[in-house]
PDB file of N, CA and C in Angstrom:
ATOM      1  N   MET A   1       0.979  -1.262   0.001  1.00  0.00           N
ATOM      2  CA  MET A   1      -0.010   0.075  -0.083  1.00  0.00           C
ATOM      3  C   MET A   1       0.933   1.259  -0.071  1.00  0.00           C
ATOM      4  N   ALA A   2       1.794   1.332   0.935  1.00  0.00           N
ATOM      5  CA  ALA A   2       2.765   2.308   0.988  1.00  0.00           C
ATOM      6  C   ALA A   2       3.665   2.693  -0.411  1.00  0.00           C
ATOM      7  N   LEU A   3       3.894   1.483  -0.828  1.00  0.00           N
ATOM      8  CA  LEU A   3       4.655   1.458  -2.099  1.00  0.00           C
ATOM      9  C   LEU A   3       3.979   2.008  -3.287  1.00  0.00           C
ATOM     10  N   TYR A   4       2.762   1.454  -3.370  1.00  0.00           N
ATOM     11  CA  TYR A   4       1.878   2.155  -4.350  1.00  0.00           C
ATOM     12  C   TYR A   4       1.687   3.573  -4.153  1.00  0.00           C
ATOM     13  N   PHE A   5       1.470   4.099  -2.970  1.00  0.00           N
ATOM     14  CA  PHE A   5       1.348   5.550  -2.577  1.00  0.00           C
ATOM     15  C   PHE A   5       2.654   6.246  -3.045  1.00  0.00           C
ATOM     16  N   ALA A   6       3.753   5.802  -2.772  1.00  0.00           N
ATOM     17  CA  ALA A   6       5.096   6.432  -3.030  1.00  0.00           C
ATOM     18  C   ALA A   6       5.322   6.388  -4.725  1.00  0.00           C
ATOM     19  N   SER A   7       4.921   5.242  -5.273  1.00  0.00           N
ATOM     20  CA  SER A   7       5.042   5.239  -6.652  1.00  0.00           C
ATOM     21  C   SER A   7       4.079   6.452  -7.410  1.00  0.00           C
ATOM     22  N   ASP A   8       2.915   6.513  -6.782  1.00  0.00           N
ATOM     23  CA  ASP A   8       1.946   7.440  -7.327  1.00  0.00           C
ATOM     24  C   ASP A   8       2.530   8.801  -7.078  1.00  0.00           C
ATOM     25  N   ILE A   9       3.299   9.022  -6.184  1.00  0.00           N
ATOM     26  CA  ILE A   9       3.929  10.420  -5.836  1.00  0.00           C
ATOM     27  C   ILE A   9       4.949  10.722  -6.941  1.00  0.00           C
ATOM     28  N   ILE A  10       5.844   9.509  -7.022  1.00  0.00           N
ATOM     29  CA  ILE A  10       7.115   9.619  -8.058  1.00  0.00           C
ATOM     30  C   ILE A  10       6.300   9.769  -9.414  1.00  0.00           C
ATOM     31  N   ASP A  11       5.315   9.323  -9.699  1.00  0.00           N
ATOM     32  CA  ASP A  11       4.823   9.509 -11.132  1.00  0.00           C
ATOM     33  C   ASP A  11       4.338  10.540 -11.329  1.00  0.00           C
ATOM     34  N   ASN A  12       3.770  11.377 -10.430  1.00  0.00           N
ATOM     35  CA  ASN A  12       3.348  12.699 -10.318  1.00  0.00           C
ATOM     36  C   ASN A  12       4.376  13.798 -10.635  1.00  0.00           C
ATOM     37  N   ALA A  13       5.485  13.628  -9.627  1.00  0.00           N
ATOM     38  CA  ALA A  13       6.543  14.339  -9.703  1.00  0.00           C
ATOM     39  C   ALA A  13       7.229  14.472 -10.941  1.00  0.00           C
ATOM     40  N   SER A  14       7.508  13.242 -11.562  1.00  0.00           N
ATOM     41  CA  SER A  14       8.168  13.024 -12.691  1.00  0.00           C
ATOM     42  C   SER A  14       7.405  13.966 -13.918  1.00  0.00           C
ATOM     43  N   ARG A  15       6.009  13.583 -13.805  1.00  0.00           N
ATOM     44  CA  ARG A  15       5.265  14.023 -14.956  1.00  0.00           C
ATOM     45  C   ARG A  15       5.341  15.610 -14.897  1.00  0.00           C
ATOM     46  N   ASP A  16       5.395  16.264 -13.706  1.00  0.00           N
ATOM     47  CA  ASP A  16       5.399  17.732 -13.315  1.00  0.00           C
ATOM     48  C   ASP A  16       6.934  18.218 -13.922  1.00  0.00           C
ATOM     49  N   LEU A  17       7.836  17.283 -13.689  1.00  0.00           N
ATOM     50  CA  LEU A  17       9.363  17.477 -14.169  1.00  0.00           C
ATOM     51  C   LEU A  17       9.222  17.590 -15.542  1.00  0.00           C
ATOM     52  N   ASN A  18       8.820  16.732 -16.349  1.00  0.00           N
ATOM     53  CA  ASN A  18       8.654  16.455 -17.815  1.00  0.00           C
ATOM     54  C   ASN A  18       7.922  17.859 -18.371  1.00  0.00           C
ATOM     55  N   HIS A  19       6.897  18.148 -17.782  1.00  0.00           N
ATOM     56  CA  HIS A  19       6.108  19.435 -18.258  1.00  0.00           C
ATOM     57  C   HIS A  19       7.058  20.751 -17.942  1.00  0.00           C
ATOM     58  N   GLY A  20       7.838  20.708 -17.064  1.00  0.00           N
ATOM     59  CA  GLY A  20       8.647  21.727 -16.607  1.00  0.00           C
ATOM     60  C   GLY A  20       9.502  21.872 -17.682  1.00  0.00           C
ATOM     61  N   ILE A  21      10.086  20.678 -18.148  1.00  0.00           N
ATOM     62  CA  ILE A  21      11.423  20.722 -19.043  1.00  0.00           C
ATOM     63  C   ILE A  21      10.806  21.203 -20.525  1.00  0.00           C
ATOM     64  N   GLN A  22       9.693  20.464 -20.744  1.00  0.00           N
ATOM     65  CA  GLN A  22       9.190  20.782 -22.272  1.00  0.00           C
ATOM     66  C   GLN A  22       8.549  22.190 -22.296  1.00  0.00           C
ATOM     67  N   GLY A  23       7.839  22.478 -21.237  1.00  0.00           N
ATOM     68  CA  GLY A  23       7.112  23.933 -21.470  1.00  0.00           C
ATOM     69  C   GLY A  23       7.986  25.030 -20.919  1.00  0.00           C
TER      70      GLY A  23
END
């Protein structure tokens, strides 16, 4: 459960990072 939660946070963070680099 905690692992899934952490992976969700990492996924969101990496998505934000990608948007920041692209835009």
